[in-house]
C-alpha cells in the first residue's frame, strides 16, 4: 500500500545509509534475557535497555533538518534466536517547544508498509497544532529493514536495509504488461527474489515486530507511557502496540485506518481488494472533476468523454520507459490526494495531444534506492503478517471481482497477491483481543470518501475497540486527515484528545474538492 504517505507530509528524501553511520551512531545495545521491571503482562518481549543518545542527524541522513536529532538503537532481529542478527533502529526526535508544558513523547509513523519515517518527526511536526508541539517530543523512526534501520546478520555484512533484488522485473522500464493470468509468473518470480534476498528471517519483519521495536524505543527513552499518531499503515502498527503493550498507552490517534474486513479479520489481500474497489469510485470522481474543468484539461466535456481520453492514453505504445504499468502507478498515486489530480490530468492531456506516454514522466514514481527498498519491505511485511495461507484461486478471484465492476481496474495496491507464492515458513499469530481498559485512550480519524483506507475499515476498528472515539470527516476525498487537510474541526478535536481530553464520536465537514485548477 504505497499510498501510506499523505501528500505534503512526505518525508524528505534521504540517501542510502552508509555502513559507517551505524558504527558511529550506535549508542546502546539491547541485551536479550529477562524482562525489564516496567514491562507489564501485555509485553511479550521486553529485554533490558539503556538510554538512547541523540546527536545531529547529519552523520545518519546527510541532511541537517533544523531541530531534528537522531540516534541508533540496537534490537535483536529475532525474539526467539538472539544469534540471528541485529536491527539497527534509526530514531529521531523533535523536542517539545515548551518544556514546562511537556506531557511526554508522541511517536509518529506515516504509513507504508515500507515508508521511511525518520524525518517525518520534522515534516509532520511542522503541521501539528502549536499546543501539541509544545506538549510532546515528536519521535520518528524507520521501521526495521527500511532506509536507515538496517539489519546485520552473521552471514551478511555490512548492515543493510531490506532488498528483494529485481522483484520479478518490477523495476524494469517499462514493466512488461501483465494481464490476470500472465501476472502469476511475475508474482512467483517476485516471491522467489524476496525469499532469496531476505532469507529465512522474513517473518521477523511483520507488524508485531515493529510494535516490539516501538516499545524498545519507549524503554530506551525512559517513558512509562507513550502517545502515538499513526497514519494509514501506521494505524495498524498503533493497533498492534495497543494490543501488546496496553499498559504503556497514553493517547493513540489512528488516522486513516487500515482495519479489518466484514469478517472481523485483518487480511492484507482482502484489504487490497477493498481498496481497489474504492479507488474505482475515486477515479470516477476524478473523471467528473476533470470534465467540470474541461476548458483547462481538454479531456472531455463529461465523464464518459474523459474516460475515453483516459483509455486512449493508456493504450498508447510504451515510450521512454513508460507503459501500462507505469500509467497505473501514476493514477494509483494520484487517487490518494486531490491535489495530485491536476498534474495527472495535465500530463494525460499532453500525452493525448502528443500521442506519447513520455508526457507522463513527471507523475510516474521514480525507480531509485528508496523505492527499491520500500517495495521490498512492503512485500516482506504484508506476507509476514499473514495469519492464513493465500491461494492462487483467491488472487484470481479478487481480480475477477474487480473486473466485473470495471474492465480496467487499478491493481497496483494489491501487493499481497505475491503472498500466494511466498514460501512462508510459519503463519503469524492472530492479534490478541482489544483490552477494554485501553479503548478510551484510542481515537480513530477517517475521511468519508478516502479511497486508500475506506471509512468502513475505521468503523469496524472502532467497534472492535469498544469505548474508543471516532472522528469522521465528510466531504473529503484525500488520504490522511489530521494536521493534513486543514479541517479545523478535526485538528482541534484531535489536539484536545492528545492533551488529555476524552475520546468521543463526532462528525466534521471537510473542505470538498478543489474549486478550480
Foldseek 3Di string as FASTA:
>chain_A
DALLAFPQLAFDDFDFWDLVLLVVFADWEFDADDADPLADPLAPGHTDTAAWDWDACCSGGVDGDPQKTKGWYKDALDRVDNQFWIWTKIKMKRAQPAVVQADEAAEEDREAQQGAWRRSLPSLLVLAPNSLSNHHIYMTIGATLHRRGFIDHPVDDDTHHQFLPCLLVVQFQQRPDADLVNCVVSLLVNQVSNCVRVHPSLLSRALLNSLVVVVNNCVNNVASAYEYEYFYNGLVSVVQNCSRRVSRYFAYEYELDQFDDPVRARALLVSLLQLLVLLVVLVLVLLQQCLVFCVVLVQYVHSVSNVVLLVQLQPQDRDPSDHNLQLLQLSVNCQAALVSSVVNSNLSSVCSVVVYNVSCVVRGDDDDPSVSSSLSSNQSHNLSQAQDADASVNSSVSVVVVCVVPVDIRSVSSSPNSSNNNPNPDHDDGRDQRDQVSQFSYEYEYECSRSNRHVVRSVSVNVSNPNHAYEYEYQHRHGGDASRQPQVVVSVLSSCSSSPDTHYYDYGYGDHRDPHD
